[in-house]
Amino acid sequence: ESTQDCAAIITTVEKNIPDAVKEAVVKAAGGEKLSATPGYLG
């Protein structure tokens, strides 16, 4: 999805960074306190 070289890419080891960032920002915008511990571990 991100490069022009799909024909040579078998798969990708993905980090679901988009969902982690989205969730954090939406929660913070809603007034929720984001705790440094434990934080998020995908």
Full PDB file with SEQRES, HELIX, SHEET, SSBOND, CRYST1, ORIGX, SCALE, CONECT and MASTER records, all heavy atoms in Angstrom:
SEQRES   1 A   42  GLU SER THR GLN ASP CYS ALA ALA ILE ILE THR THR VAL          
SEQRES   2 A   42  GLU LYS ASN ILE PRO ASP ALA VAL LYS GLU ALA VAL VAL          
SEQRES   3 A   42  LYS ALA ALA GLY GLY GLU LYS LEU SER ALA THR PRO GLY          
SEQRES   4 A   42  TYR LEU GLY                                                  
HELIX    1 AA1 CYS A    6  ALA A    8  5                                   3    
HELIX    2 AA2 ILE A   17  ALA A   29  1                                  13    
CRYST1    1.000    1.000    1.000  90.00  90.00  90.00 P 1           1          
ORIGX1      1.000000  0.000000  0.000000        0.00000                         
ORIGX2      0.000000  1.000000  0.000000        0.00000                         
ORIGX3      0.000000  0.000000  1.000000        0.00000                         
SCALE1      1.000000  0.000000  0.000000        0.00000                         
SCALE2      0.000000  1.000000  0.000000        0.00000                         
SCALE3      0.000000  0.000000  1.000000        0.00000                         
ATOM      1  N   GLU A   1       0.822  -1.205   0.000  1.00  0.00           N  
ATOM      2  CA  GLU A   1       0.000   0.000   0.000  1.00  0.00           C  
ATOM      3  C   GLU A   1       0.858   1.258   0.000  1.00  0.00           C  
ATOM      4  O   GLU A   1       0.398   2.327  -0.403  1.00  0.00           O  
ATOM      5  CB  GLU A   1      -0.925   0.003   1.223  1.00  0.00           C  
ATOM      6  CG  GLU A   1      -1.949  -1.125   1.220  1.00  0.00           C  
ATOM      7  CD  GLU A   1      -2.835  -1.111   2.442  1.00  0.00           C  
ATOM      8  OE1 GLU A   1      -2.597  -0.287   3.356  1.00  0.00           O  
ATOM      9  OE2 GLU A   1      -3.781  -1.934   2.500  1.00  0.00           O  
ATOM     10  N   SER A   2       2.096   1.148   0.455  1.00  0.00           N  
ATOM     11  CA  SER A   2       2.914   2.349   0.644  1.00  0.00           C  
ATOM     12  C   SER A   2       4.084   2.481  -0.341  1.00  0.00           C  
ATOM     13  O   SER A   2       4.699   3.535  -0.418  1.00  0.00           O  
ATOM     14  CB  SER A   2       3.481   2.368   2.068  1.00  0.00           C  
ATOM     15  OG  SER A   2       4.330   1.260   2.307  1.00  0.00           O  
ATOM     16  N   THR A   3       4.404   1.414  -1.081  1.00  0.00           N  
ATOM     17  CA  THR A   3       5.523   1.479  -2.022  1.00  0.00           C  
ATOM     18  C   THR A   3       5.070   1.043  -3.418  1.00  0.00           C  
ATOM     19  O   THR A   3       3.945   0.562  -3.599  1.00  0.00           O  
ATOM     20  CB  THR A   3       6.690   0.562  -1.594  1.00  0.00           C  
ATOM     21  OG1 THR A   3       6.410  -0.793  -1.982  1.00  0.00           O  
ATOM     22  CG2 THR A   3       6.920   0.613  -0.083  1.00  0.00           C  
ATOM     23  N   GLN A   4       5.970   1.189  -4.361  1.00  0.00           N  
ATOM     24  CA  GLN A   4       5.698   0.772  -5.748  1.00  0.00           C  
ATOM     25  C   GLN A   4       6.240  -0.630  -6.026  1.00  0.00           C  
ATOM     26  O   GLN A   4       6.239  -1.071  -7.176  1.00  0.00           O  
ATOM     27  CB  GLN A   4       6.360   1.769  -6.712  1.00  0.00           C  
ATOM     28  CG  GLN A   4       5.889   3.199  -6.550  1.00  0.00           C  
ATOM     29  CD  GLN A   4       4.403   3.359  -6.795  1.00  0.00           C  
ATOM     30  OE1 GLN A   4       3.884   2.892  -7.815  1.00  0.00           O  
ATOM     31  NE2 GLN A   4       3.710   4.002  -5.875  1.00  0.00           N  
ATOM     32  N   ASP A   5       6.679  -1.317  -4.980  1.00  0.00           N  
ATOM     33  CA  ASP A   5       7.417  -2.564  -5.178  1.00  0.00           C  
ATOM     34  C   ASP A   5       6.673  -3.809  -4.706  1.00  0.00           C  
ATOM     35  O   ASP A   5       7.284  -4.811  -4.336  1.00  0.00           O  
ATOM     36  CB  ASP A   5       8.768  -2.466  -4.459  1.00  0.00           C  
ATOM     37  CG  ASP A   5       9.591  -1.293  -4.961  1.00  0.00           C  
ATOM     38  OD1 ASP A   5       9.483  -0.958  -6.152  1.00  0.00           O  
ATOM     39  OD2 ASP A   5      10.330  -0.706  -4.159  1.00  0.00           O  
ATOM     40  N   CYS A   6       5.349  -3.766  -4.762  1.00  0.00           N  
ATOM     41  CA  CYS A   6       4.544  -4.878  -4.258  1.00  0.00           C  
ATOM     42  C   CYS A   6       4.906  -6.210  -4.906  1.00  0.00           C  
ATOM     43  O   CYS A   6       4.845  -7.256  -4.262  1.00  0.00           O  
ATOM     44  CB  CYS A   6       3.060  -4.585  -4.474  1.00  0.00           C  
ATOM     45  SG  CYS A   6       1.940  -5.820  -3.756  1.00  0.00           S  
ATOM     46  N   ALA A   7       5.307  -6.175  -6.163  1.00  0.00           N  
ATOM     47  CA  ALA A   7       5.622  -7.410  -6.889  1.00  0.00           C  
ATOM     48  C   ALA A   7       6.757  -8.185  -6.241  1.00  0.00           C  
ATOM     49  O   ALA A   7       6.919  -9.391  -6.489  1.00  0.00           O  
ATOM     50  CB  ALA A   7       5.982  -7.101  -8.335  1.00  0.00           C  
ATOM     51  N   ALA A   8       7.560  -7.505  -5.376  1.00  0.00           N  
ATOM     52  CA  ALA A   8       8.693  -8.177  -4.723  1.00  0.00           C  
ATOM     53  C   ALA A   8       8.526  -8.233  -3.208  1.00  0.00           C  
ATOM     54  O   ALA A   8       9.471  -8.562  -2.498  1.00  0.00           O  
ATOM     55  CB  ALA A   8       9.993  -7.463  -5.065  1.00  0.00           C  
ATOM     56  N   ILE A   9       7.320  -7.928  -2.706  1.00  0.00           N  
ATOM     57  CA  ILE A   9       7.071  -7.923  -1.260  1.00  0.00           C  
ATOM     58  C   ILE A   9       6.093  -9.040  -0.912  1.00  0.00           C  
ATOM     59  O   ILE A   9       4.916  -8.992  -1.288  1.00  0.00           O  
ATOM     60  CB  ILE A   9       6.530  -6.561  -0.799  1.00  0.00           C  
ATOM     61  CG1 ILE A   9       7.565  -5.461  -1.067  1.00  0.00           C  
ATOM     62  CG2 ILE A   9       6.166  -6.603   0.686  1.00  0.00           C  
ATOM     63  CD1 ILE A   9       7.080  -4.057  -0.774  1.00  0.00           C  
ATOM     64  N   ILE A  10       6.584 -10.045  -0.209  1.00  0.00           N  
ATOM     65  CA  ILE A  10       5.757 -11.202   0.138  1.00  0.00           C  
ATOM     66  C   ILE A  10       4.691 -10.812   1.153  1.00  0.00           C  
ATOM     67  O   ILE A  10       3.518 -11.164   1.043  1.00  0.00           O  
ATOM     68  CB  ILE A  10       6.625 -12.349   0.687  1.00  0.00           C  
ATOM     69  CG1 ILE A  10       7.665 -12.772  -0.348  1.00  0.00           C  
ATOM     70  CG2 ILE A  10       5.749 -13.551   1.071  1.00  0.00           C  
ATOM     71  CD1 ILE A  10       8.704 -13.754   0.182  1.00  0.00           C  
ATOM     72  N   THR A  11       5.104 -10.067   2.176  1.00  0.00           N  
ATOM     73  CA  THR A  11       4.192  -9.564   3.207  1.00  0.00           C  
ATOM     74  C   THR A  11       4.920  -8.459   3.957  1.00  0.00           C  
ATOM     75  O   THR A  11       6.056  -8.095   3.600  1.00  0.00           O  
ATOM     76  CB  THR A  11       3.749 -10.682   4.175  1.00  0.00           C  
ATOM     77  OG1 THR A  11       2.736 -10.172   5.070  1.00  0.00           O  
ATOM     78  CG2 THR A  11       4.908 -11.199   5.001  1.00  0.00           C  
ATOM     79  N   THR A  12       4.287  -7.925   4.978  1.00  0.00           N  
ATOM     80  CA  THR A  12       4.880  -6.871   5.803  1.00  0.00           C  
ATOM     81  C   THR A  12       4.663  -7.201   7.268  1.00  0.00           C  
ATOM     82  O   THR A  12       3.583  -7.643   7.660  1.00  0.00           O  
ATOM     83  CB  THR A  12       4.225  -5.502   5.500  1.00  0.00           C  
ATOM     84  OG1 THR A  12       4.451  -5.153   4.136  1.00  0.00           O  
ATOM     85  CG2 THR A  12       4.793  -4.413   6.402  1.00  0.00           C  
ATOM     86  N   VAL A  13       5.710  -7.005   8.082  1.00  0.00           N  
ATOM     87  CA  VAL A  13       5.568  -7.087   9.535  1.00  0.00           C  
ATOM     88  C   VAL A  13       5.036  -5.727   9.978  1.00  0.00           C  
ATOM     89  O   VAL A  13       5.765  -4.747  10.023  1.00  0.00           O  
ATOM     90  CB  VAL A  13       6.913  -7.386  10.219  1.00  0.00           C  
ATOM     91  CG1 VAL A  13       6.733  -7.462  11.729  1.00  0.00           C  
ATOM     92  CG2 VAL A  13       7.506  -8.683   9.682  1.00  0.00           C  
ATOM     93  N   GLU A  14       3.747  -5.679  10.249  1.00  0.00           N  
ATOM     94  CA  GLU A  14       3.082  -4.406  10.523  1.00  0.00           C  
ATOM     95  C   GLU A  14       3.044  -4.043  12.000  1.00  0.00           C  
ATOM     96  O   GLU A  14       2.851  -4.899  12.856  1.00  0.00           O  
ATOM     97  CB  GLU A  14       1.645  -4.441  10.011  1.00  0.00           C  
ATOM     98  CG  GLU A  14       1.488  -4.422   8.519  1.00  0.00           C  
ATOM     99  CD  GLU A  14       0.038  -4.276   8.105  1.00  0.00           C  
ATOM    100  OE1 GLU A  14      -0.772  -5.173   8.444  1.00  0.00           O  
ATOM    101  OE2 GLU A  14      -0.304  -3.276   7.453  1.00  0.00           O  
ATOM    102  N   LYS A  15       3.199  -2.754  12.246  1.00  0.00           N  
ATOM    103  CA  LYS A  15       2.844  -2.158  13.527  1.00  0.00           C  
ATOM    104  C   LYS A  15       1.543  -1.403  13.293  1.00  0.00           C  
ATOM    105  O   LYS A  15       1.454  -0.626  12.344  1.00  0.00           O  
ATOM    106  CB  LYS A  15       3.881  -1.140  13.984  1.00  0.00           C  
ATOM    107  CG  LYS A  15       5.257  -1.651  14.295  1.00  0.00           C  
ATOM    108  CD  LYS A  15       6.124  -0.454  14.679  1.00  0.00           C  
ATOM    109  CE  LYS A  15       7.552  -0.863  14.919  1.00  0.00           C  
ATOM    110  NZ  LYS A  15       8.410   0.321  15.175  1.00  0.00           N  
ATOM    111  N   ASN A  16       0.583  -1.608  14.158  1.00  0.00           N  
ATOM    112  CA  ASN A  16      -0.682  -0.889  13.979  1.00  0.00           C  
ATOM    113  C   ASN A  16      -0.581   0.485  14.632  1.00  0.00           C  
ATOM    114  O   ASN A  16      -1.325   0.814  15.559  1.00  0.00           O  
ATOM    115  CB  ASN A  16      -1.844  -1.686  14.564  1.00  0.00           C  
ATOM    116  CG  ASN A  16      -3.192  -1.179  14.066  1.00  0.00           C  
ATOM    117  OD1 ASN A  16      -3.275  -0.133  13.427  1.00  0.00           O  
ATOM    118  ND2 ASN A  16      -4.235  -1.910  14.360  1.00  0.00           N  
ATOM    119  N   ILE A  17       0.362   1.271  14.127  1.00  0.00           N  
ATOM    120  CA  ILE A  17       0.578   2.622  14.651  1.00  0.00           C  
ATOM    121  C   ILE A  17      -0.642   3.514  14.433  1.00  0.00           C  
ATOM    122  O   ILE A  17      -1.027   4.269  15.332  1.00  0.00           O  
ATOM    123  CB  ILE A  17       1.846   3.248  14.033  1.00  0.00           C  
ATOM    124  CG1 ILE A  17       3.088   2.460  14.483  1.00  0.00           C  
ATOM    125  CG2 ILE A  17       1.991   4.707  14.435  1.00  0.00           C  
ATOM    126  CD1 ILE A  17       4.368   2.894  13.791  1.00  0.00           C  
ATOM    127  N   PRO A  18      -1.285   3.449  13.254  1.00  0.00           N  
ATOM    128  CA  PRO A  18      -2.430   4.342  13.049  1.00  0.00           C  
ATOM    129  C   PRO A  18      -3.509   4.208  14.120  1.00  0.00           C  
ATOM    130  O   PRO A  18      -3.993   5.216  14.647  1.00  0.00           O  
ATOM    131  CB  PRO A  18      -2.954   3.932  11.667  1.00  0.00           C  
ATOM    132  CG  PRO A  18      -1.743   3.434  10.952  1.00  0.00           C  
ATOM    133  CD  PRO A  18      -0.954   2.706  12.017  1.00  0.00           C  
ATOM    134  N   ASP A  19      -3.875   2.982  14.454  1.00  0.00           N  
ATOM    135  CA  ASP A  19      -4.931   2.796  15.459  1.00  0.00           C  
ATOM    136  C   ASP A  19      -4.488   3.245  16.843  1.00  0.00           C  
ATOM    137  O   ASP A  19      -5.275   3.811  17.606  1.00  0.00           O  
ATOM    138  CB  ASP A  19      -5.376   1.331  15.507  1.00  0.00           C  
ATOM    139  CG  ASP A  19      -6.359   0.981  14.398  1.00  0.00           C  
ATOM    140  OD1 ASP A  19      -6.705   1.886  13.598  1.00  0.00           O  
ATOM    141  OD2 ASP A  19      -6.781  -0.186  14.313  1.00  0.00           O  
ATOM    142  N   ALA A  20      -3.225   2.981  17.180  1.00  0.00           N  
ATOM    143  CA  ALA A  20      -2.712   3.385  18.490  1.00  0.00           C  
ATOM    144  C   ALA A  20      -2.722   4.899  18.638  1.00  0.00           C  
ATOM    145  O   ALA A  20      -3.150   5.447  19.666  1.00  0.00           O  
ATOM    146  CB  ALA A  20      -1.301   2.840  18.698  1.00  0.00           C  
ATOM    147  N   VAL A  21      -2.258   5.604  17.588  1.00  0.00           N  
ATOM    148  CA  VAL A  21      -2.231   7.065  17.618  1.00  0.00           C  
ATOM    149  C   VAL A  21      -3.649   7.635  17.616  1.00  0.00           C  
ATOM    150  O   VAL A  21      -3.971   8.542  18.389  1.00  0.00           O  
ATOM    151  CB  VAL A  21      -1.429   7.608  16.414  1.00  0.00           C  
ATOM    152  CG1 VAL A  21      -1.608   9.120  16.286  1.00  0.00           C  
ATOM    153  CG2 VAL A  21       0.048   7.258  16.573  1.00  0.00           C  
ATOM    154  N   LYS A  22      -4.491   7.103  16.752  1.00  0.00           N  
ATOM    155  CA  LYS A  22      -5.882   7.568  16.693  1.00  0.00           C  
ATOM    156  C   LYS A  22      -6.556   7.441  18.055  1.00  0.00           C  
ATOM    157  O   LYS A  22      -7.181   8.395  18.547  1.00  0.00           O  
ATOM    158  CB  LYS A  22      -6.659   6.760  15.657  1.00  0.00           C  
ATOM    159  CG  LYS A  22      -8.158   7.081  15.631  1.00  0.00           C  
ATOM    160  CD  LYS A  22      -8.924   6.110  14.746  1.00  0.00           C  
ATOM    161  CE  LYS A  22     -10.431   6.352  14.860  1.00  0.00           C  
ATOM    162  NZ  LYS A  22     -11.211   5.372  14.039  1.00  0.00           N  
ATOM    163  N   GLU A  23      -6.451   6.271  18.657  1.00  0.00           N  
ATOM    164  CA  GLU A  23      -7.107   6.032  19.943  1.00  0.00           C  
ATOM    165  C   GLU A  23      -6.600   7.006  21.006  1.00  0.00           C  
ATOM    166  O   GLU A  23      -7.388   7.570  21.772  1.00  0.00           O  
ATOM    167  CB  GLU A  23      -6.854   4.594  20.396  1.00  0.00           C  
ATOM    168  CG  GLU A  23      -7.499   4.253  21.723  1.00  0.00           C  
ATOM    169  CD  GLU A  23      -7.217   2.828  22.167  1.00  0.00           C  
ATOM    170  OE1 GLU A  23      -6.167   2.275  21.777  1.00  0.00           O  
ATOM    171  OE2 GLU A  23      -8.044   2.265  22.901  1.00  0.00           O  
ATOM    172  N   ALA A  24      -5.291   7.219  21.054  1.00  0.00           N  
ATOM    173  CA  ALA A  24      -4.717   8.107  22.057  1.00  0.00           C  
ATOM    174  C   ALA A  24      -5.222   9.538  21.893  1.00  0.00           C  
ATOM    175  O   ALA A  24      -5.633  10.186  22.868  1.00  0.00           O  
ATOM    176  CB  ALA A  24      -3.192   8.075  21.978  1.00  0.00           C  
ATOM    177  N   VAL A  25      -5.203  10.033  20.667  1.00  0.00           N  
ATOM    178  CA  VAL A  25      -5.597  11.423  20.426  1.00  0.00           C  
ATOM    179  C   VAL A  25      -7.094  11.633  20.640  1.00  0.00           C  
ATOM    180  O   VAL A  25      -7.517  12.635  21.230  1.00  0.00           O  
ATOM    181  CB  VAL A  25      -5.170  11.861  19.004  1.00  0.00           C  
ATOM    182  CG1 VAL A  25      -5.701  13.249  18.680  1.00  0.00           C  
ATOM    183  CG2 VAL A  25      -3.652  11.833  18.890  1.00  0.00           C  
ATOM    184  N   VAL A  26      -7.896  10.684  20.180  1.00  0.00           N  
ATOM    185  CA  VAL A  26      -9.345  10.802  20.380  1.00  0.00           C  
ATOM    186  C   VAL A  26      -9.689  10.788  21.867  1.00  0.00           C  
ATOM    187  O   VAL A  26     -10.518  11.573  22.341  1.00  0.00           O  
ATOM    188  CB  VAL A  26     -10.090   9.683  19.629  1.00  0.00           C  
ATOM    189  CG1 VAL A  26     -11.562   9.634  20.051  1.00  0.00           C  
ATOM    190  CG2 VAL A  26      -9.989   9.900  18.120  1.00  0.00           C  
ATOM    191  N   LYS A  27      -9.038   9.919  22.618  1.00  0.00           N  
ATOM    192  CA  LYS A  27      -9.272   9.871  24.061  1.00  0.00           C  
ATOM    193  C   LYS A  27      -8.855  11.182  24.728  1.00  0.00           C  
ATOM    194  O   LYS A  27      -9.572  11.726  25.561  1.00  0.00           O  
ATOM    195  CB  LYS A  27      -8.506   8.699  24.691  1.00  0.00           C  
ATOM    196  CG  LYS A  27      -9.130   7.338  24.466  1.00  0.00           C  
ATOM    197  CD  LYS A  27      -8.329   6.256  25.170  1.00  0.00           C  
ATOM    198  CE  LYS A  27      -8.998   4.894  25.046  1.00  0.00           C  
ATOM    199  NZ  LYS A  27      -8.200   3.831  25.729  1.00  0.00           N  
ATOM    200  N   ALA A  28      -7.665  11.664  24.368  1.00  0.00           N  
ATOM    201  CA  ALA A  28      -7.164  12.902  24.967  1.00  0.00           C  
ATOM    202  C   ALA A  28      -8.068  14.083  24.618  1.00  0.00           C  
ATOM    203  O   ALA A  28      -8.361  14.930  25.469  1.00  0.00           O  
ATOM    204  CB  ALA A  28      -5.738  13.161  24.507  1.00  0.00           C  
ATOM    205  N   ALA A  29      -8.540  14.120  23.365  1.00  0.00           N  
ATOM    206  CA  ALA A  29      -9.434  15.208  22.945  1.00  0.00           C  
ATOM    207  C   ALA A  29     -10.762  15.150  23.686  1.00  0.00           C  
ATOM    208  O   ALA A  29     -11.414  16.183  23.894  1.00  0.00           O  
ATOM    209  CB  ALA A  29      -9.670  15.141  21.441  1.00  0.00           C  
ATOM    210  N   GLY A  30     -11.133  13.948  24.108  1.00  0.00           N  
ATOM    211  CA  GLY A  30     -12.376  13.773  24.859  1.00  0.00           C  
ATOM    212  C   GLY A  30     -12.226  14.029  26.348  1.00  0.00           C  
ATOM    213  O   GLY A  30     -13.181  13.841  27.115  1.00  0.00           O  
ATOM    214  N   GLY A  31     -11.025  14.427  26.739  1.00  0.00           N  
ATOM    215  CA  GLY A  31     -10.801  14.774  28.141  1.00  0.00           C  
ATOM    216  C   GLY A  31     -10.252  13.652  28.995  1.00  0.00           C  
ATOM    217  O   GLY A  31     -10.080  13.814  30.209  1.00  0.00           O  
ATOM    218  N   GLU A  32      -9.950  12.510  28.371  1.00  0.00           N  
ATOM    219  CA  GLU A  32      -9.440  11.376  29.145  1.00  0.00           C  
ATOM    220  C   GLU A  32      -7.948  11.553  29.434  1.00  0.00           C  
ATOM    221  O   GLU A  32      -7.176  11.975  28.573  1.00  0.00           O  
ATOM    222  CB  GLU A  32      -9.667  10.078  28.373  1.00  0.00           C  
ATOM    223  CG  GLU A  32      -9.298   8.821  29.160  1.00  0.00           C  
ATOM    224  CD  GLU A  32      -9.728   7.548  28.449  1.00  0.00           C  
ATOM    225  OE1 GLU A  32     -10.721   7.590  27.693  1.00  0.00           O  
ATOM    226  OE2 GLU A  32      -9.070   6.516  28.651  1.00  0.00           O  
ATOM    227  N   LYS A  33      -7.559  11.230  30.643  1.00  0.00           N  
ATOM    228  CA  LYS A  33      -6.156  11.301  31.031  1.00  0.00           C  
ATOM    229  C   LYS A  33      -5.415  10.098  30.462  1.00  0.00           C  
ATOM    230  O   LYS A  33      -5.821   8.949  30.640  1.00  0.00           O  
ATOM    231  CB  LYS A  33      -6.040  11.312  32.562  1.00  0.00           C  
ATOM    232  CG  LYS A  33      -4.619  11.185  33.108  1.00  0.00           C  
ATOM    233  CD  LYS A  33      -3.775  12.392  32.812  1.00  0.00           C  
ATOM    234  CE  LYS A  33      -2.399  12.276  33.480  1.00  0.00           C  
ATOM    235  NZ  LYS A  33      -1.502  13.401  33.096  1.00  0.00           N  
ATOM    236  N   LEU A  34      -4.319  10.355  29.761  1.00  0.00           N  
ATOM    237  CA  LEU A  34      -3.505   9.283  29.201  1.00  0.00           C  
ATOM    238  C   LEU A  34      -2.397   8.944  30.189  1.00  0.00           C  
ATOM    239  O   LEU A  34      -1.566   9.788  30.507  1.00  0.00           O  
ATOM    240  CB  LEU A  34      -2.907   9.702  27.859  1.00  0.00           C  
ATOM    241  CG  LEU A  34      -3.894  10.016  26.736  1.00  0.00           C  
ATOM    242  CD1 LEU A  34      -3.141  10.477  25.495  1.00  0.00           C  
ATOM    243  CD2 LEU A  34      -4.764   8.812  26.406  1.00  0.00           C  
ATOM    244  N   SER A  35      -2.372   7.708  30.637  1.00  0.00           N  
ATOM    245  CA  SER A  35      -1.410   7.301  31.649  1.00  0.00           C  
ATOM    246  C   SER A  35      -0.103   6.835  31.011  1.00  0.00           C  
ATOM    247  O   SER A  35      -0.099   6.066  30.045  1.00  0.00           O  
ATOM    248  CB  SER A  35      -1.994   6.168  32.498  1.00  0.00           C  
ATOM    249  OG  SER A  35      -1.039   5.675  33.403  1.00  0.00           O  
ATOM    250  N   ALA A  36       1.000   7.314  31.569  1.00  0.00           N  
ATOM    251  CA  ALA A  36       2.315   6.911  31.068  1.00  0.00           C  
ATOM    252  C   ALA A  36       2.610   5.449  31.398  1.00  0.00           C  
ATOM    253  O   ALA A  36       3.430   4.811  30.742  1.00  0.00           O  
ATOM    254  CB  ALA A  36       3.399   7.804  31.653  1.00  0.00           C  
ATOM    255  N   THR A  37       1.945   4.949  32.412  1.00  0.00           N  
ATOM    256  CA  THR A  37       2.104   3.551  32.813  1.00  0.00           C  
ATOM    257  C   THR A  37       0.732   2.884  32.872  1.00  0.00           C  
ATOM    258  O   THR A  37      -0.154   3.374  33.577  1.00  0.00           O  
ATOM    259  CB  THR A  37       2.769   3.448  34.196  1.00  0.00           C  
ATOM    260  OG1 THR A  37       4.022   4.148  34.151  1.00  0.00           O  
ATOM    261  CG2 THR A  37       3.021   2.009  34.590  1.00  0.00           C  
ATOM    262  N   PRO A  38       0.482   1.822  32.139  1.00  0.00           N  
ATOM    263  CA  PRO A  38       1.453   1.109  31.306  1.00  0.00           C  
ATOM    264  C   PRO A  38       1.624   1.674  29.903  1.00  0.00           C  
ATOM    265  O   PRO A  38       2.489   1.213  29.166  1.00  0.00           O  
ATOM    266  CB  PRO A  38       0.854  -0.291  31.238  1.00  0.00           C  
ATOM    267  CG  PRO A  38      -0.623  -0.043  31.243  1.00  0.00           C  
ATOM    268  CD  PRO A  38      -0.826   1.136  32.165  1.00  0.00           C  
ATOM    269  N   GLY A  39       0.797   2.651  29.508  1.00  0.00           N  
ATOM    270  CA  GLY A  39       0.849   3.108  28.128  1.00  0.00           C  
ATOM    271  C   GLY A  39       0.212   2.089  27.209  1.00  0.00           C  
ATOM    272  O   GLY A  39      -0.643   1.311  27.622  1.00  0.00           O  
ATOM    273  N   TYR A  40       0.646   2.071  25.961  1.00  0.00           N  
ATOM    274  CA  TYR A  40       0.093   1.131  24.990  1.00  0.00           C  
ATOM    275  C   TYR A  40       1.179   0.172  24.525  1.00  0.00           C  
ATOM    276  O   TYR A  40       2.286   0.593  24.185  1.00  0.00           O  
ATOM    277  CB  TYR A  40      -0.465   1.875  23.768  1.00  0.00           C  
ATOM    278  CG  TYR A  40      -0.886   0.950  22.647  1.00  0.00           C  
ATOM    279  CD1 TYR A  40      -2.130   0.334  22.652  1.00  0.00           C  
ATOM    280  CD2 TYR A  40      -0.015   0.657  21.582  1.00  0.00           C  
ATOM    281  CE1 TYR A  40      -2.514  -0.539  21.640  1.00  0.00           C  
ATOM    282  CE2 TYR A  40      -0.383  -0.208  20.561  1.00  0.00           C  
ATOM    283  CZ  TYR A  40      -1.633  -0.803  20.603  1.00  0.00           C  
ATOM    284  OH  TYR A  40      -2.011  -1.677  19.602  1.00  0.00           O  
ATOM    285  N   LEU A  41       0.851  -1.127  24.508  1.00  0.00           N  
ATOM    286  CA  LEU A  41       1.764  -2.139  23.983  1.00  0.00           C  
ATOM    287  C   LEU A  41       1.017  -2.992  22.968  1.00  0.00           C  
ATOM    288  O   LEU A  41       0.105  -3.750  23.322  1.00  0.00           O  
ATOM    289  CB  LEU A  41       2.314  -3.023  25.103  1.00  0.00           C  
ATOM    290  CG  LEU A  41       3.222  -4.176  24.642  1.00  0.00           C  
ATOM    291  CD1 LEU A  41       4.435  -3.649  23.878  1.00  0.00           C  
ATOM    292  CD2 LEU A  41       3.676  -5.016  25.828  1.00  0.00           C  
ATOM    293  N   GLY A  42       1.397  -2.865  21.707  1.00  0.00           N  
ATOM    294  CA  GLY A  42       0.774  -3.650  20.656  1.00  0.00           C  
ATOM    295  C   GLY A  42       1.438  -5.003  20.512  1.00  0.00           C  
ATOM    296  O   GLY A  42       2.664  -5.107  20.491  1.00  0.00           O  
TER     297      GLY A  42                                                      
MASTER        0    0    0    2    0    0    0    6  296    1    0    4          
END                                                                             
